[in-house]
Amino acid sequence: MQEPEENKRHWGAKSYKSLWILPLIAFIAIFFLASSRNYIFEWQKEKDLQALGMIMKGGFLYALLWLVMPATIADYVGLVRREKTDHKWWKIISLVAIELACIIFGTYVFFFS
């Protein structure tokens, strides 16, 4: 008698290319929020809610960037363990570099500009 197969659903990324989706979307979103930064600093009565919305979106995106980096590294490790990709030093460094660039640019946009 055969044993039933275990549920072999694997969470996480399906390929190395899919690890790039969220950091690139975040990087594009930071540029969008940086270009609409004037709403944040113009506290006029008719724009109060719009400015508050931009601050909330920016803060959420900034917090999300800090949460995405460990998840991306864990997904990459999972891909290597499942032998979906070969481990190359430049792959992990490129993923971490784009996420650090997002965090540094986000820090500049939201706190120092």
PDB file of N, CA and C in Angstrom:
ATOM      1  N   MET A   1       0.832  -1.176   0.000  1.00  0.00           N
ATOM      2  CA  MET A   1       0.000   0.000   0.000  1.00  0.00           C
ATOM      3  C   MET A   1       0.884   1.248   0.000  1.00  0.00           C
ATOM      4  N   GLN A   2       0.555   2.174  -0.855  1.00  0.00           N
ATOM      5  CA  GLN A   2       1.358   3.383  -0.964  1.00  0.00           C
ATOM      6  C   GLN A   2       0.872   4.433   0.016  1.00  0.00           C
ATOM      7  N   GLU A   3       1.826   5.139   0.560  1.00  0.00           N
ATOM      8  CA  GLU A   3       1.480   6.244   1.453  1.00  0.00           C
ATOM      9  C   GLU A   3       1.058   7.447   0.620  1.00  0.00           C
ATOM     10  N   PRO A   4       0.089   8.193   1.106  1.00  0.00           N
ATOM     11  CA  PRO A   4      -0.302   9.396   0.346  1.00  0.00           C
ATOM     12  C   PRO A   4       0.836  10.405   0.332  1.00  0.00           C
ATOM     13  N   GLU A   5       0.939  11.079  -0.792  1.00  0.00           N
ATOM     14  CA  GLU A   5       1.999  12.085  -0.906  1.00  0.00           C
ATOM     15  C   GLU A   5       1.712  13.254   0.016  1.00  0.00           C
ATOM     16  N   GLU A   6       2.773  13.761   0.596  1.00  0.00           N
ATOM     17  CA  GLU A   6       2.631  14.935   1.453  1.00  0.00           C
ATOM     18  C   GLU A   6       2.312  16.155   0.593  1.00  0.00           C
ATOM     19  N   ASN A   7       1.730  17.111   1.233  1.00  0.00           N
ATOM     20  CA  ASN A   7       1.466  18.362   0.541  1.00  0.00           C
ATOM     21  C   ASN A   7       2.800  19.073   0.349  1.00  0.00           C
ATOM     22  N   LYS A   8       3.287  19.076  -0.869  1.00  0.00           N
ATOM     23  CA  LYS A   8       4.613  19.633  -1.141  1.00  0.00           C
ATOM     24  C   LYS A   8       4.523  21.044  -1.704  1.00  0.00           C
ATOM     25  N   ARG A   9       3.576  21.787  -1.203  1.00  0.00           N
ATOM     26  CA  ARG A   9       3.452  23.176  -1.629  1.00  0.00           C
ATOM     27  C   ARG A   9       4.629  23.958  -1.054  1.00  0.00           C
ATOM     28  N   HIS A  10       5.327  24.616  -1.938  1.00  0.00           N
ATOM     29  CA  HIS A  10       6.477  25.408  -1.500  1.00  0.00           C
ATOM     30  C   HIS A  10       6.103  26.875  -1.555  1.00  0.00           C
ATOM     31  N   TRP A  11       6.238  27.516  -0.439  1.00  0.00           N
ATOM     32  CA  TRP A  11       5.990  28.946  -0.381  1.00  0.00           C
ATOM     33  C   TRP A  11       7.231  29.659  -0.850  1.00  0.00           C
ATOM     34  N   GLY A  12       7.053  30.857  -1.274  1.00  0.00           N
ATOM     35  CA  GLY A  12       8.197  31.654  -1.664  1.00  0.00           C
ATOM     36  C   GLY A  12       8.288  31.800  -3.169  1.00  0.00           C
ATOM     37  N   ALA A  13       9.442  32.222  -3.598  1.00  0.00           N
ATOM     38  CA  ALA A  13       9.649  32.543  -5.003  1.00  0.00           C
ATOM     39  C   ALA A  13       9.720  31.280  -5.850  1.00  0.00           C
ATOM     40  N   LYS A  14       9.277  31.411  -7.083  1.00  0.00           N
ATOM     41  CA  LYS A  14       9.329  30.300  -8.030  1.00  0.00           C
ATOM     42  C   LYS A  14      10.614  30.317  -8.846  1.00  0.00           C
ATOM     43  N   SER A  15      11.206  31.496  -8.999  1.00  0.00           N
ATOM     44  CA  SER A  15      12.448  31.603  -9.741  1.00  0.00           C
ATOM     45  C   SER A  15      13.221  32.824  -9.242  1.00  0.00           C
ATOM     46  N   TYR A  16      14.461  32.930  -9.698  1.00  0.00           N
ATOM     47  CA  TYR A  16      15.295  34.064  -9.301  1.00  0.00           C
ATOM     48  C   TYR A  16      14.729  35.375  -9.840  1.00  0.00           C
ATOM     49  N   LYS A  17      14.169  35.335 -11.034  1.00  0.00           N
ATOM     50  CA  LYS A  17      13.615  36.557 -11.630  1.00  0.00           C
ATOM     51  C   LYS A  17      12.438  37.090 -10.827  1.00  0.00           C
ATOM     52  N   SER A  18      11.664  36.207 -10.221  1.00  0.00           N
ATOM     53  CA  SER A  18      10.499  36.675  -9.465  1.00  0.00           C
ATOM     54  C   SER A  18      10.900  37.383  -8.170  1.00  0.00           C
ATOM     55  N   LEU A  19      12.144  37.214  -7.725  1.00  0.00           N
ATOM     56  CA  LEU A  19      12.611  37.935  -6.543  1.00  0.00           C
ATOM     57  C   LEU A  19      12.797  39.430  -6.819  1.00  0.00           C
ATOM     58  N   TRP A  20      12.893  39.800  -8.068  1.00  0.00           N
ATOM     59  CA  TRP A  20      13.133  41.189  -8.442  1.00  0.00           C
ATOM     60  C   TRP A  20      11.863  42.010  -8.519  1.00  0.00           C
ATOM     61  N   ILE A  21      10.707  41.380  -8.509  1.00  0.00           N
ATOM     62  CA  ILE A  21       9.457  42.106  -8.747  1.00  0.00           C
ATOM     63  C   ILE A  21       9.186  43.138  -7.657  1.00  0.00           C
ATOM     64  N   LEU A  22       9.147  42.710  -6.402  1.00  0.00           N
ATOM     65  CA  LEU A  22       8.777  43.628  -5.321  1.00  0.00           C
ATOM     66  C   LEU A  22       9.802  44.742  -5.090  1.00  0.00           C
ATOM     67  N   PRO A  23      11.110  44.476  -5.087  1.00  0.00           N
ATOM     68  CA  PRO A  23      12.046  45.604  -4.928  1.00  0.00           C
ATOM     69  C   PRO A  23      11.964  46.631  -6.059  1.00  0.00           C
ATOM     70  N   LEU A  24      11.740  46.177  -7.287  1.00  0.00           N
ATOM     71  CA  LEU A  24      11.630  47.134  -8.386  1.00  0.00           C
ATOM     72  C   LEU A  24      10.339  47.940  -8.308  1.00  0.00           C
ATOM     73  N   ILE A  25       9.250  47.305  -7.898  1.00  0.00           N
ATOM     74  CA  ILE A  25       8.001  48.049  -7.702  1.00  0.00           C
ATOM     75  C   ILE A  25       8.186  49.084  -6.595  1.00  0.00           C
ATOM     76  N   ALA A  26       8.866  48.697  -5.516  1.00  0.00           N
ATOM     77  CA  ALA A  26       9.104  49.632  -4.415  1.00  0.00           C
ATOM     78  C   ALA A  26       9.982  50.797  -4.870  1.00  0.00           C
ATOM     79  N   PHE A  27      10.995  50.513  -5.679  1.00  0.00           N
ATOM     80  CA  PHE A  27      11.880  51.572  -6.161  1.00  0.00           C
ATOM     81  C   PHE A  27      11.113  52.558  -7.044  1.00  0.00           C
ATOM     82  N   ILE A  28      10.246  52.049  -7.909  1.00  0.00           N
ATOM     83  CA  ILE A  28       9.422  52.915  -8.753  1.00  0.00           C
ATOM     84  C   ILE A  28       8.457  53.726  -7.898  1.00  0.00           C
ATOM     85  N   ALA A  29       7.887  53.097  -6.873  1.00  0.00           N
ATOM     86  CA  ALA A  29       6.944  53.804  -6.001  1.00  0.00           C
ATOM     87  C   ALA A  29       7.632  54.919  -5.223  1.00  0.00           C
ATOM     88  N   ILE A  30       8.878  54.700  -4.814  1.00  0.00           N
ATOM     89  CA  ILE A  30       9.611  55.754  -4.107  1.00  0.00           C
ATOM     90  C   ILE A  30       9.829  56.950  -5.035  1.00  0.00           C
ATOM     91  N   PHE A  31      10.172  56.704  -6.292  1.00  0.00           N
ATOM     92  CA  PHE A  31      10.323  57.809  -7.237  1.00  0.00           C
ATOM     93  C   PHE A  31       9.003  58.544  -7.433  1.00  0.00           C
ATOM     94  N   PHE A  32       7.895  57.808  -7.479  1.00  0.00           N
ATOM     95  CA  PHE A  32       6.587  58.446  -7.621  1.00  0.00           C
ATOM     96  C   PHE A  32       6.274  59.304  -6.397  1.00  0.00           C
ATOM     97  N   LEU A  33       6.518  58.768  -5.203  1.00  0.00           N
ATOM     98  CA  LEU A  33       6.250  59.537  -3.990  1.00  0.00           C
ATOM     99  C   LEU A  33       7.194  60.727  -3.859  1.00  0.00           C
ATOM    100  N   ALA A  34       8.430  60.571  -4.334  1.00  0.00           N
ATOM    101  CA  ALA A  34       9.369  61.688  -4.274  1.00  0.00           C
ATOM    102  C   ALA A  34       8.938  62.809  -5.213  1.00  0.00           C
ATOM    103  N   SER A  35       8.369  62.448  -6.353  1.00  0.00           N
ATOM    104  CA  SER A  35       7.942  63.488  -7.286  1.00  0.00           C
ATOM    105  C   SER A  35       6.693  64.215  -6.793  1.00  0.00           C
ATOM    106  N   SER A  36       5.886  63.559  -5.977  1.00  0.00           N
ATOM    107  CA  SER A  36       4.686  64.212  -5.448  1.00  0.00           C
ATOM    108  C   SER A  36       4.896  64.688  -4.015  1.00  0.00           C
ATOM    109  N   ARG A  37       6.135  64.930  -3.674  1.00  0.00           N
ATOM    110  CA  ARG A  37       6.499  65.336  -2.319  1.00  0.00           C
ATOM    111  C   ARG A  37       5.951  66.706  -1.940  1.00  0.00           C
ATOM    112  N   ASN A  38       5.649  67.523  -2.903  1.00  0.00           N
ATOM    113  CA  ASN A  38       5.163  68.866  -2.582  1.00  0.00           C
ATOM    114  C   ASN A  38       3.822  68.820  -1.865  1.00  0.00           C
ATOM    115  N   TYR A  39       3.041  67.764  -2.066  1.00  0.00           N
ATOM    116  CA  TYR A  39       1.791  67.643  -1.320  1.00  0.00           C
ATOM    117  C   TYR A  39       2.048  67.453   0.171  1.00  0.00           C
ATOM    118  N   ILE A  40       3.145  66.800   0.487  1.00  0.00           N
ATOM    119  CA  ILE A  40       3.436  66.508   1.888  1.00  0.00           C
ATOM    120  C   ILE A  40       3.761  67.794   2.645  1.00  0.00           C
ATOM    121  N   PHE A  41       4.486  68.702   2.009  1.00  0.00           N
ATOM    122  CA  PHE A  41       4.961  69.877   2.720  1.00  0.00           C
ATOM    123  C   PHE A  41       4.090  71.117   2.531  1.00  0.00           C
ATOM    124  N   GLU A  42       3.064  71.035   1.728  1.00  0.00           N
ATOM    125  CA  GLU A  42       2.130  72.148   1.567  1.00  0.00           C
ATOM    126  C   GLU A  42       0.894  71.855   2.399  1.00  0.00           C
ATOM    127  N   TRP A  43       0.899  72.279   3.626  1.00  0.00           N
ATOM    128  CA  TRP A  43      -0.220  71.999   4.524  1.00  0.00           C
ATOM    129  C   TRP A  43      -1.279  73.079   4.386  1.00  0.00           C
ATOM    130  N   GLN A  44      -1.999  73.034   3.292  1.00  0.00           N
ATOM    131  CA  GLN A  44      -3.130  73.929   3.100  1.00  0.00           C
ATOM    132  C   GLN A  44      -4.397  73.171   3.480  1.00  0.00           C
ATOM    133  N   LYS A  45      -5.439  73.913   3.782  1.00  0.00           N
ATOM    134  CA  LYS A  45      -6.656  73.268   4.272  1.00  0.00           C
ATOM    135  C   LYS A  45      -7.252  72.294   3.270  1.00  0.00           C
ATOM    136  N   GLU A  46      -7.227  72.639   1.997  1.00  0.00           N
ATOM    137  CA  GLU A  46      -7.846  71.746   1.022  1.00  0.00           C
ATOM    138  C   GLU A  46      -6.974  70.536   0.702  1.00  0.00           C
ATOM    139  N   LYS A  47      -5.710  70.580   1.096  1.00  0.00           N
ATOM    140  CA  LYS A  47      -4.814  69.477   0.780  1.00  0.00           C
ATOM    141  C   LYS A  47      -4.397  68.680   2.013  1.00  0.00           C
ATOM    142  N   ASP A  48      -5.010  68.928   3.143  1.00  0.00           N
ATOM    143  CA  ASP A  48      -4.596  68.229   4.359  1.00  0.00           C
ATOM    144  C   ASP A  48      -4.739  66.718   4.239  1.00  0.00           C
ATOM    145  N   LEU A  49      -5.883  66.252   3.768  1.00  0.00           N
ATOM    146  CA  LEU A  49      -6.097  64.812   3.666  1.00  0.00           C
ATOM    147  C   LEU A  49      -5.205  64.182   2.611  1.00  0.00           C
ATOM    148  N   GLN A  50      -4.973  64.900   1.541  1.00  0.00           N
ATOM    149  CA  GLN A  50      -4.095  64.379   0.505  1.00  0.00           C
ATOM    150  C   GLN A  50      -2.658  64.284   1.023  1.00  0.00           C
ATOM    151  N   ALA A  51      -2.216  65.275   1.757  1.00  0.00           N
ATOM    152  CA  ALA A  51      -0.873  65.243   2.332  1.00  0.00           C
ATOM    153  C   ALA A  51      -0.753  64.135   3.364  1.00  0.00           C
ATOM    154  N   LEU A  52      -1.783  63.970   4.195  1.00  0.00           N
ATOM    155  CA  LEU A  52      -1.754  62.896   5.182  1.00  0.00           C
ATOM    156  C   LEU A  52      -1.706  61.535   4.502  1.00  0.00           C
ATOM    157  N   GLY A  53      -2.446  61.394   3.410  1.00  0.00           N
ATOM    158  CA  GLY A  53      -2.416  60.141   2.655  1.00  0.00           C
ATOM    159  C   GLY A  53      -1.045  59.857   2.081  1.00  0.00           C
ATOM    160  N   MET A  54      -0.370  60.886   1.572  1.00  0.00           N
ATOM    161  CA  MET A  54       0.971  60.697   1.026  1.00  0.00           C
ATOM    162  C   MET A  54       1.960  60.312   2.120  1.00  0.00           C
ATOM    163  N   ILE A  55       1.832  60.919   3.295  1.00  0.00           N
ATOM    164  CA  ILE A  55       2.720  60.565   4.403  1.00  0.00           C
ATOM    165  C   ILE A  55       2.485  59.121   4.825  1.00  0.00           C
ATOM    166  N   MET A  56       1.230  58.715   4.884  1.00  0.00           N
ATOM    167  CA  MET A  56       0.926  57.339   5.282  1.00  0.00           C
ATOM    168  C   MET A  56       1.428  56.341   4.244  1.00  0.00           C
ATOM    169  N   LYS A  57       1.269  56.655   2.955  1.00  0.00           N
ATOM    170  CA  LYS A  57       1.777  55.772   1.905  1.00  0.00           C
ATOM    171  C   LYS A  57       3.295  55.674   1.962  1.00  0.00           C
ATOM    172  N   GLY A  58       3.951  56.808   2.150  1.00  0.00           N
ATOM    173  CA  GLY A  58       5.405  56.798   2.232  1.00  0.00           C
ATOM    174  C   GLY A  58       5.912  56.030   3.433  1.00  0.00           C
ATOM    175  N   GLY A  59       5.284  56.222   4.583  1.00  0.00           N
ATOM    176  CA  GLY A  59       5.693  55.481   5.778  1.00  0.00           C
ATOM    177  C   GLY A  59       5.459  53.995   5.644  1.00  0.00           C
ATOM    178  N   PHE A  60       4.335  53.617   5.034  1.00  0.00           N
ATOM    179  CA  PHE A  60       4.057  52.199   4.818  1.00  0.00           C
ATOM    180  C   PHE A  60       5.076  51.590   3.877  1.00  0.00           C
ATOM    181  N   LEU A  61       5.399  52.299   2.795  1.00  0.00           N
ATOM    182  CA  LEU A  61       6.376  51.793   1.842  1.00  0.00           C
ATOM    183  C   LEU A  61       7.751  51.676   2.485  1.00  0.00           C
ATOM    184  N   TYR A  62       8.112  52.660   3.297  1.00  0.00           N
ATOM    185  CA  TYR A  62       9.418  52.627   3.960  1.00  0.00           C
ATOM    186  C   TYR A  62       9.503  51.448   4.929  1.00  0.00           C
ATOM    187  N   ALA A  63       8.442  51.206   5.703  1.00  0.00           N
ATOM    188  CA  ALA A  63       8.428  50.057   6.616  1.00  0.00           C
ATOM    189  C   ALA A  63       8.441  48.748   5.837  1.00  0.00           C
ATOM    190  N   LEU A  64       7.750  48.723   4.712  1.00  0.00           N
ATOM    191  CA  LEU A  64       7.713  47.514   3.901  1.00  0.00           C
ATOM    192  C   LEU A  64       9.089  47.167   3.355  1.00  0.00           C
ATOM    193  N   LEU A  65       9.875  48.181   3.012  1.00  0.00           N
ATOM    194  CA  LEU A  65      11.221  47.924   2.503  1.00  0.00           C
ATOM    195  C   LEU A  65      12.082  47.209   3.540  1.00  0.00           C
ATOM    196  N   TRP A  66      11.926  47.564   4.809  1.00  0.00           N
ATOM    197  CA  TRP A  66      12.703  46.904   5.855  1.00  0.00           C
ATOM    198  C   TRP A  66      12.250  45.464   6.055  1.00  0.00           C
ATOM    199  N   LEU A  67      10.991  45.169   5.768  1.00  0.00           N
ATOM    200  CA  LEU A  67      10.490  43.807   5.920  1.00  0.00           C
ATOM    201  C   LEU A  67      10.776  42.943   4.699  1.00  0.00           C
ATOM    202  N   VAL A  68      10.922  43.557   3.543  1.00  0.00           N
ATOM    203  CA  VAL A  68      11.122  42.799   2.313  1.00  0.00           C
ATOM    204  C   VAL A  68      12.524  42.204   2.236  1.00  0.00           C
ATOM    205  N   MET A  69      13.526  42.908   2.751  1.00  0.00           N
ATOM    206  CA  MET A  69      14.899  42.432   2.601  1.00  0.00           C
ATOM    207  C   MET A  69      15.136  41.054   3.226  1.00  0.00           C
ATOM    208  N   PRO A  70      14.762  40.811   4.491  1.00  0.00           N
ATOM    209  CA  PRO A  70      14.971  39.460   5.028  1.00  0.00           C
ATOM    210  C   PRO A  70      14.135  38.409   4.304  1.00  0.00           C
ATOM    211  N   ALA A  71      12.952  38.784   3.849  1.00  0.00           N
ATOM    212  CA  ALA A  71      12.105  37.828   3.129  1.00  0.00           C
ATOM    213  C   ALA A  71      12.720  37.458   1.783  1.00  0.00           C
ATOM    214  N   THR A  72      13.311  38.427   1.105  1.00  0.00           N
ATOM    215  CA  THR A  72      13.949  38.153  -0.181  1.00  0.00           C
ATOM    216  C   THR A  72      15.152  37.244  -0.004  1.00  0.00           C
ATOM    217  N   ILE A  73      15.941  37.486   1.028  1.00  0.00           N
ATOM    218  CA  ILE A  73      17.099  36.628   1.289  1.00  0.00           C
ATOM    219  C   ILE A  73      16.640  35.216   1.641  1.00  0.00           C
ATOM    220  N   ALA A  74      15.588  35.093   2.443  1.00  0.00           N
ATOM    221  CA  ALA A  74      15.067  33.767   2.793  1.00  0.00           C
ATOM    222  C   ALA A  74      14.512  33.048   1.562  1.00  0.00           C
ATOM    223  N   ASP A  75      13.849  33.780   0.672  1.00  0.00           N
ATOM    224  CA  ASP A  75      13.350  33.167  -0.560  1.00  0.00           C
ATOM    225  C   ASP A  75      14.491  32.708  -1.454  1.00  0.00           C
ATOM    226  N   TYR A  76      15.564  33.485  -1.510  1.00  0.00           N
ATOM    227  CA  TYR A  76      16.721  33.087  -2.308  1.00  0.00           C
ATOM    228  C   TYR A  76      17.350  31.819  -1.739  1.00  0.00           C
ATOM    229  N   VAL A  77      17.476  31.753  -0.426  1.00  0.00           N
ATOM    230  CA  VAL A  77      18.027  30.547   0.204  1.00  0.00           C
ATOM    231  C   VAL A  77      17.125  29.347  -0.089  1.00  0.00           C
ATOM    232  N   GLY A  78      15.804  29.565  -0.060  1.00  0.00           N
ATOM    233  CA  GLY A  78      14.874  28.492  -0.389  1.00  0.00           C
ATOM    234  C   GLY A  78      15.016  28.025  -1.826  1.00  0.00           C
ATOM    235  N   LEU A  79      15.248  28.950  -2.750  1.00  0.00           N
ATOM    236  CA  LEU A  79      15.467  28.566  -4.144  1.00  0.00           C
ATOM    237  C   LEU A  79      16.720  27.719  -4.297  1.00  0.00           C
ATOM    238  N   VAL A  80      17.773  28.087  -3.586  1.00  0.00           N
ATOM    239  CA  VAL A  80      19.018  27.326  -3.672  1.00  0.00           C
ATOM    240  C   VAL A  80      18.828  25.939  -3.060  1.00  0.00           C
ATOM    241  N   ARG A  81      18.132  25.853  -1.927  1.00  0.00           N
ATOM    242  CA  ARG A  81      17.904  24.545  -1.293  1.00  0.00           C
ATOM    243  C   ARG A  81      17.036  23.629  -2.148  1.00  0.00           C
ATOM    244  N   ARG A  82      16.041  24.202  -2.830  1.00  0.00           N
ATOM    245  CA  ARG A  82      15.173  23.400  -3.697  1.00  0.00           C
ATOM    246  C   ARG A  82      15.794  23.167  -5.064  1.00  0.00           C
ATOM    247  N   GLU A  83      16.995  23.671  -5.262  1.00  0.00           N
ATOM    248  CA  GLU A  83      17.760  23.528  -6.496  1.00  0.00           C
ATOM    249  C   GLU A  83      17.022  24.106  -7.700  1.00  0.00           C
ATOM    250  N   LYS A  84      16.325  25.215  -7.481  1.00  0.00           N
ATOM    251  CA  LYS A  84      15.671  25.929  -8.577  1.00  0.00           C
ATOM    252  C   LYS A  84      16.638  26.903  -9.244  1.00  0.00           C
ATOM    253  N   THR A  85      17.701  27.251  -8.546  1.00  0.00           N
ATOM    254  CA  THR A  85      18.718  28.130  -9.103  1.00  0.00           C
ATOM    255  C   THR A  85      20.070  27.745  -8.507  1.00  0.00           C
ATOM    256  N   ASP A  86      21.116  28.105  -9.211  1.00  0.00           N
ATOM    257  CA  ASP A  86      22.465  27.876  -8.690  1.00  0.00           C
ATOM    258  C   ASP A  86      22.861  29.062  -7.834  1.00  0.00           C
ATOM    259  N   HIS A  87      23.632  28.776  -6.793  1.00  0.00           N
ATOM    260  CA  HIS A  87      24.074  29.862  -5.921  1.00  0.00           C
ATOM    261  C   HIS A  87      25.264  30.561  -6.556  1.00  0.00           C
ATOM    262  N   LYS A  88      25.083  31.814  -6.834  1.00  0.00           N
ATOM    263  CA  LYS A  88      26.158  32.668  -7.335  1.00  0.00           C
ATOM    264  C   LYS A  88      26.239  33.870  -6.420  1.00  0.00           C
ATOM    265  N   TRP A  89      27.441  34.316  -6.127  1.00  0.00           N
ATOM    266  CA  TRP A  89      27.604  35.429  -5.192  1.00  0.00           C
ATOM    267  C   TRP A  89      26.979  36.706  -5.724  1.00  0.00           C
ATOM    268  N   TRP A  90      27.002  36.921  -7.040  1.00  0.00           N
ATOM    269  CA  TRP A  90      26.471  38.158  -7.604  1.00  0.00           C
ATOM    270  C   TRP A  90      24.953  38.224  -7.529  1.00  0.00           C
ATOM    271  N   LYS A  91      24.287  37.068  -7.453  1.00  0.00           N
ATOM    272  CA  LYS A  91      22.819  37.075  -7.386  1.00  0.00           C
ATOM    273  C   LYS A  91      22.342  37.659  -6.059  1.00  0.00           C
ATOM    274  N   ILE A  92      22.900  37.190  -4.973  1.00  0.00           N
ATOM    275  CA  ILE A  92      22.457  37.671  -3.659  1.00  0.00           C
ATOM    276  C   ILE A  92      22.918  39.110  -3.437  1.00  0.00           C
ATOM    277  N   ILE A  93      24.116  39.446  -3.923  1.00  0.00           N
ATOM    278  CA  ILE A  93      24.610  40.813  -3.757  1.00  0.00           C
ATOM    279  C   ILE A  93      23.759  41.795  -4.564  1.00  0.00           C
ATOM    280  N   SER A  94      23.336  41.409  -5.759  1.00  0.00           N
ATOM    281  CA  SER A  94      22.507  42.320  -6.556  1.00  0.00           C
ATOM    282  C   SER A  94      21.141  42.539  -5.914  1.00  0.00           C
ATOM    283  N   LEU A  95      20.561  41.499  -5.326  1.00  0.00           N
ATOM    284  CA  LEU A  95      19.274  41.661  -4.642  1.00  0.00           C
ATOM    285  C   LEU A  95      19.396  42.567  -3.422  1.00  0.00           C
ATOM    286  N   VAL A  96      20.433  42.349  -2.636  1.00  0.00           N
ATOM    287  CA  VAL A  96      20.630  43.173  -1.439  1.00  0.00           C
ATOM    288  C   VAL A  96      20.972  44.606  -1.835  1.00  0.00           C
ATOM    289  N   ALA A  97      21.732  44.788  -2.913  1.00  0.00           N
ATOM    290  CA  ALA A  97      22.113  46.133  -3.338  1.00  0.00           C
ATOM    291  C   ALA A  97      20.897  46.954  -3.764  1.00  0.00           C
ATOM    292  N   ILE A  98      19.977  46.366  -4.517  1.00  0.00           N
ATOM    293  CA  ILE A  98      18.805  47.140  -4.945  1.00  0.00           C
ATOM    294  C   ILE A  98      17.921  47.467  -3.752  1.00  0.00           C
ATOM    295  N   GLU A  99      17.834  46.574  -2.783  1.00  0.00           N
ATOM    296  CA  GLU A  99      17.020  46.864  -1.604  1.00  0.00           C
ATOM    297  C   GLU A  99      17.673  47.912  -0.712  1.00  0.00           C
ATOM    298  N   LEU A 100      18.994  47.876  -0.584  1.00  0.00           N
ATOM    299  CA  LEU A 100      19.685  48.928   0.170  1.00  0.00           C
ATOM    300  C   LEU A 100      19.558  50.277  -0.531  1.00  0.00           C
ATOM    301  N   ALA A 101      19.609  50.276  -1.861  1.00  0.00           N
ATOM    302  CA  ALA A 101      19.413  51.526  -2.596  1.00  0.00           C
ATOM    303  C   ALA A 101      18.019  52.078  -2.345  1.00  0.00           C
ATOM    304  N   CYS A 102      17.021  51.202  -2.317  1.00  0.00           N
ATOM    305  CA  CYS A 102      15.651  51.650  -2.013  1.00  0.00           C
ATOM    306  C   CYS A 102      15.572  52.240  -0.616  1.00  0.00           C
ATOM    307  N   ILE A 103      16.195  51.597   0.346  1.00  0.00           N
ATOM    308  CA  ILE A 103      16.134  52.076   1.733  1.00  0.00           C
ATOM    309  C   ILE A 103      16.875  53.404   1.882  1.00  0.00           C
ATOM    310  N   ILE A 104      18.049  53.519   1.275  1.00  0.00           N
ATOM    311  CA  ILE A 104      18.814  54.761   1.381  1.00  0.00           C
ATOM    312  C   ILE A 104      18.082  55.906   0.688  1.00  0.00           C
ATOM    313  N   PHE A 105      17.573  55.662  -0.512  1.00  0.00           N
ATOM    314  CA  PHE A 105      16.834  56.703  -1.222  1.00  0.00           C
ATOM    315  C   PHE A 105      15.545  57.046  -0.487  1.00  0.00           C
ATOM    316  N   GLY A 106      14.878  56.037   0.056  1.00  0.00           N
ATOM    317  CA  GLY A 106      13.662  56.288   0.831  1.00  0.00           C
ATOM    318  C   GLY A 106      13.942  57.092   2.084  1.00  0.00           C
ATOM    319  N   THR A 107      15.061  56.812   2.748  1.00  0.00           N
ATOM    320  CA  THR A 107      15.448  57.580   3.927  1.00  0.00           C
ATOM    321  C   THR A 107      15.692  59.039   3.555  1.00  0.00           C
ATOM    322  N   TYR A 108      16.381  59.258   2.454  1.00  0.00           N
ATOM    323  CA  TYR A 108      16.640  60.630   2.019  1.00  0.00           C
ATOM    324  C   TYR A 108      15.339  61.360   1.684  1.00  0.00           C
ATOM    325  N   VAL A 109      14.462  60.690   0.949  1.00  0.00           N
ATOM    326  CA  VAL A 109      13.217  61.336   0.515  1.00  0.00           C
ATOM    327  C   VAL A 109      12.313  61.648   1.690  1.00  0.00           C
ATOM    328  N   PHE A 110      12.147  60.702   2.596  1.00  0.00           N
ATOM    329  CA  PHE A 110      11.149  60.862   3.645  1.00  0.00           C
ATOM    330  C   PHE A 110      11.645  61.614   4.874  1.00  0.00           C
ATOM    331  N   PHE A 111      12.956  61.669   5.083  1.00  0.00           N
ATOM    332  CA  PHE A 111      13.445  62.291   6.311  1.00  0.00           C
ATOM    333  C   PHE A 111      14.337  63.506   6.100  1.00  0.00           C
ATOM    334  N   PHE A 112      15.055  63.595   4.995  1.00  0.00           N
ATOM    335  CA  PHE A 112      16.046  64.656   4.854  1.00  0.00           C
ATOM    336  C   PHE A 112      15.771  65.648   3.739  1.00  0.00           C
ATOM    337  N   SER A 113      14.738  65.455   2.958  1.00  0.00           N
ATOM    338  CA  SER A 113      14.518  66.403   1.857  1.00  0.00           C
ATOM    339  C   SER A 113      13.335  67.298   2.142  1.00  0.00           C
TER     340      SER A 113
END
